[in-house]
């Protein structure tokens, strides 16, 4: 009889631990929701940079799976349509879309030092004369997290006090999947011969 009580207690302890783990996961999802809630207010949202800094903070303690793939999708806040991040997007991108996606990829980078800021790219493009239309081109591989990476405690440990994700010491597998983004757009609206681009 003592053994059955002991196992019953372990079972309750397990359920309490599971409930605590679920509460921590819900807090993390709530944090992501709060960080991203301001994204629908417009491209010049002053909170976007803060959201990106907080997301970069959350993911700063994980071991990056492959240094040849520079980006993690969840590391930056998104305002652009998710269709641009699919392998076969049929949407048309003008310069405003290209600019937004580039900015998102910049903040999704594991290391931003090798990348140019968007203002630098725009300045460089403005140095060409009317007979030239510079074209922005992105062709990046990136990682994104499996859906179950946040819904279970099997891939990451959640520190909801300091807002960090840590690698699980014995994960059930890799939480990452890989994809590619390819996007191009002219940087000018028209040339001196009135050949129109998209701006």
Protein backbone atom coordinates (compact mmCIF):
# COMPACT_ATOMS: atom_id res chain seq x y z
CA UNK A 1 0.00 0.00 0.00
CA UNK A 2 2.88 2.38 0.71
CA UNK A 3 4.21 1.82 -2.81
CA UNK A 4 0.91 2.71 -4.43
CA UNK A 5 0.74 5.95 -2.40
CA UNK A 6 4.34 6.69 -3.39
CA UNK A 7 3.56 6.21 -7.07
CA UNK A 8 0.40 8.26 -6.72
CA UNK A 9 2.49 11.07 -5.23
CA UNK A 10 5.00 10.84 -8.09
CA UNK A 11 2.12 11.02 -10.53
CA UNK A 12 0.77 14.18 -8.89
CA UNK A 13 4.26 15.66 -8.81
CA UNK A 14 4.60 14.91 -12.52
CA UNK A 15 1.28 16.63 -13.24
CA UNK A 16 2.33 19.63 -11.15
CA UNK A 17 5.62 19.85 -13.06
CA UNK A 18 3.74 19.52 -16.35
CA UNK A 19 1.30 22.28 -15.30
CA UNK A 20 4.24 24.52 -14.31
CA UNK A 21 5.91 23.80 -17.66
CA UNK A 22 2.67 24.62 -19.52
CA UNK A 23 2.35 27.90 -17.58
CA UNK A 24 5.90 28.84 -18.56
CA UNK A 25 5.18 28.05 -22.20
CA UNK A 26 2.00 30.12 -22.08
CA UNK A 27 3.96 33.04 -20.61
CA UNK A 28 6.49 32.75 -23.42
CA UNK A 29 3.75 32.72 -26.06
CA UNK A 30 2.14 35.71 -24.35
CA UNK A 31 5.48 37.53 -24.48
CA UNK A 32 5.75 36.82 -28.24
CA UNK A 33 2.18 38.01 -28.74
CA UNK A 34 2.88 41.25 -26.87
CA UNK A 35 6.09 41.83 -28.79
CA UNK A 36 4.41 41.28 -32.13
CA UNK A 37 1.06 42.96 -31.41
CA UNK A 38 2.32 46.33 -32.57
CA UNK A 39 3.25 45.01 -36.01
CA UNK A 40 -0.08 45.80 -37.60
CA UNK A 41 0.17 49.53 -36.94
CA UNK A 42 2.49 50.47 -39.82
CA UNK A 43 6.04 50.27 -41.14
CA UNK A 44 7.28 53.24 -39.14
CA UNK A 45 6.20 51.70 -35.84
CA UNK A 46 8.61 52.92 -33.13
CA UNK A 47 8.14 49.67 -31.18
CA UNK A 48 9.45 47.46 -33.99
CA UNK A 49 13.11 48.00 -33.14
CA UNK A 50 12.40 47.27 -29.48
CA UNK A 51 10.53 44.09 -30.46
CA UNK A 52 13.48 42.99 -32.60
CA UNK A 53 15.94 43.67 -29.81
CA UNK A 54 13.83 41.66 -27.38
CA UNK A 55 13.50 38.76 -29.81
CA UNK A 56 17.25 38.79 -30.41
CA UNK A 57 17.70 38.74 -26.61
CA UNK A 58 15.37 35.74 -26.21
CA UNK A 59 17.28 33.70 -28.81
CA UNK A 60 20.78 34.88 -27.84
CA UNK A 61 21.61 31.89 -25.62
CA UNK A 62 20.82 29.07 -28.05
CA UNK A 63 23.52 27.20 -29.92
CA UNK A 64 23.16 28.10 -33.57
CA UNK A 65 22.85 24.91 -35.65
CA UNK A 66 24.93 25.91 -38.69
CA UNK A 67 27.01 29.07 -39.13
CA UNK A 68 26.71 28.82 -42.93
CA UNK A 69 22.97 29.59 -42.64
CA UNK A 70 22.91 33.11 -41.26
CA UNK A 71 19.24 33.57 -40.33
CA UNK A 72 16.60 32.34 -37.89
CA UNK A 73 13.08 33.35 -38.94
CA UNK A 74 11.74 33.75 -35.40
CA UNK A 75 14.56 36.06 -34.34
CA UNK A 76 12.85 39.13 -35.87
CA UNK A 77 9.35 40.61 -35.85
CA UNK A 78 7.50 40.33 -39.15
CA UNK A 79 5.27 42.86 -40.90
CA UNK A 80 5.49 41.47 -44.43
CA UNK A 81 3.20 38.75 -45.70
CA UNK A 82 4.41 35.26 -44.80
CA UNK A 83 3.99 34.20 -48.45
CA UNK A 84 7.28 35.94 -49.26
CA UNK A 85 9.04 33.44 -47.00
CA UNK A 86 7.78 30.39 -48.87
CA UNK A 87 9.86 28.52 -51.43
CA UNK A 88 7.42 29.23 -54.25
CA UNK A 89 5.91 32.65 -53.63
CA UNK A 90 3.83 33.94 -56.53
CA UNK A 91 3.31 37.39 -55.00
CA UNK A 92 4.79 40.44 -56.69
CA UNK A 93 7.16 42.50 -54.59
CA UNK A 94 7.71 46.21 -55.08
CA UNK A 95 10.52 48.10 -53.40
CA UNK A 96 8.51 48.76 -50.23
CA UNK A 97 7.94 45.03 -49.76
CA UNK A 98 11.57 44.23 -50.60
CA UNK A 99 12.76 46.85 -48.12
CA UNK A 100 10.53 45.47 -45.36
CA UNK A 101 11.59 41.86 -45.94
CA UNK A 102 15.28 42.86 -46.07
CA UNK A 103 14.92 44.69 -42.77
CA UNK A 104 13.27 41.61 -41.24
CA UNK A 105 16.05 39.36 -42.53
CA UNK A 106 18.66 41.78 -41.19
CA UNK A 107 17.33 41.41 -37.66
CA UNK A 108 16.85 37.65 -38.11
CA UNK A 109 20.60 37.28 -38.78
CA UNK A 110 22.72 35.40 -36.28
CA UNK A 111 25.35 38.10 -36.79
CA UNK A 112 24.37 41.42 -38.42
CA UNK A 113 27.94 42.69 -38.95
CA UNK A 114 28.42 41.23 -42.46
CA UNK A 115 25.12 42.76 -43.64
CA UNK A 116 24.46 46.30 -44.83
CA UNK A 117 21.70 48.27 -43.17
CA UNK A 118 18.81 49.13 -45.45
CA UNK A 119 19.63 52.87 -45.37
CA UNK A 120 23.13 52.11 -46.70
CA UNK A 121 21.67 50.08 -49.57
CA UNK A 122 19.22 52.87 -50.43
CA UNK A 123 21.99 55.47 -50.38
CA UNK A 124 24.21 53.35 -52.65
CA UNK A 125 21.30 52.83 -55.07
CA UNK A 126 20.63 56.57 -55.20
CA UNK A 127 24.15 57.20 -56.56
CA UNK A 128 23.25 55.81 -60.00
CA UNK A 129 22.07 58.06 -62.84
CA UNK A 130 18.78 57.82 -64.71
CA UNK A 131 20.14 55.36 -67.24
CA UNK A 132 20.56 52.70 -64.55
CA UNK A 133 17.97 51.00 -62.37
CA UNK A 134 19.62 49.19 -59.47
CA UNK A 135 17.90 45.99 -58.44
CA UNK A 136 17.84 44.60 -54.93
CA UNK A 137 18.20 40.83 -54.79
CA UNK A 138 17.88 38.52 -51.79
CA UNK A 139 18.70 34.84 -51.94
CA UNK A 140 19.08 33.59 -48.36
CA UNK A 141 18.75 30.25 -46.65
CA UNK A 142 17.25 30.49 -43.19
CA UNK A 143 16.22 28.28 -40.32
CA UNK A 144 12.77 28.29 -38.78
CA UNK A 145 11.47 26.40 -35.78
CA UNK A 146 9.19 23.38 -35.95
CA UNK A 147 5.72 24.10 -34.59
CA UNK A 148 6.22 21.72 -31.67
CA UNK A 149 9.45 23.47 -30.61
CA UNK A 150 7.44 25.81 -28.36
CA UNK A 151 4.48 23.60 -27.55
CA UNK A 152 6.60 20.98 -25.76
CA UNK A 153 9.56 21.22 -23.44
CA UNK A 154 11.53 18.71 -25.54
CA UNK A 155 13.65 21.16 -27.57
CA UNK A 156 14.30 24.22 -25.41
CA UNK A 157 14.32 25.24 -21.79
CA UNK A 158 12.33 28.41 -21.11
CA UNK A 159 13.62 31.00 -18.65
CA UNK A 160 10.54 33.18 -18.24
CA UNK A 161 12.17 35.36 -15.58
CA UNK A 162 15.11 36.54 -17.71
CA UNK A 163 13.36 35.89 -21.06
CA UNK A 164 15.84 33.44 -22.53
CA UNK A 165 15.59 30.23 -24.46
CA UNK A 166 18.28 27.64 -23.74
CA UNK A 167 19.11 24.45 -25.61
CA UNK A 168 17.56 21.39 -24.02
CA UNK A 169 20.39 19.18 -22.66
CA UNK A 170 18.84 16.08 -24.26
CA UNK A 171 16.44 17.18 -27.03
CA UNK A 172 14.36 14.59 -28.85
CA UNK A 173 15.73 15.94 -32.16
CA UNK A 174 16.57 19.17 -33.92
CA UNK A 175 13.94 21.91 -33.51
CA UNK A 176 15.02 23.49 -36.81
CA UNK A 177 13.89 23.23 -40.41
CA UNK A 178 15.51 25.00 -43.34
CA UNK A 179 13.98 27.11 -46.10
CA UNK A 180 15.04 29.72 -48.65
CA UNK A 181 13.89 33.22 -49.55
CA UNK A 182 14.43 34.68 -53.01
CA UNK A 183 13.15 38.19 -53.63
CA UNK A 184 14.05 40.93 -56.12
CA UNK A 185 12.86 44.47 -56.82
CA UNK A 186 14.10 47.56 -58.65
CA UNK A 187 15.18 50.37 -56.35
CA UNK A 188 13.90 53.13 -58.68
CA UNK A 189 10.44 53.86 -60.01
CA UNK A 190 11.53 54.78 -63.53
CA UNK A 191 14.56 55.41 -65.71
CA UNK A 192 15.30 58.40 -67.93
CA UNK A 193 13.62 56.52 -70.80
CA UNK A 194 10.42 56.12 -68.73
CA UNK A 195 10.93 52.40 -68.40
CA UNK A 196 9.08 51.79 -65.18
CA UNK A 197 10.31 49.79 -62.33
CA UNK A 198 8.48 49.43 -59.05
CA UNK A 199 8.97 51.75 -56.09
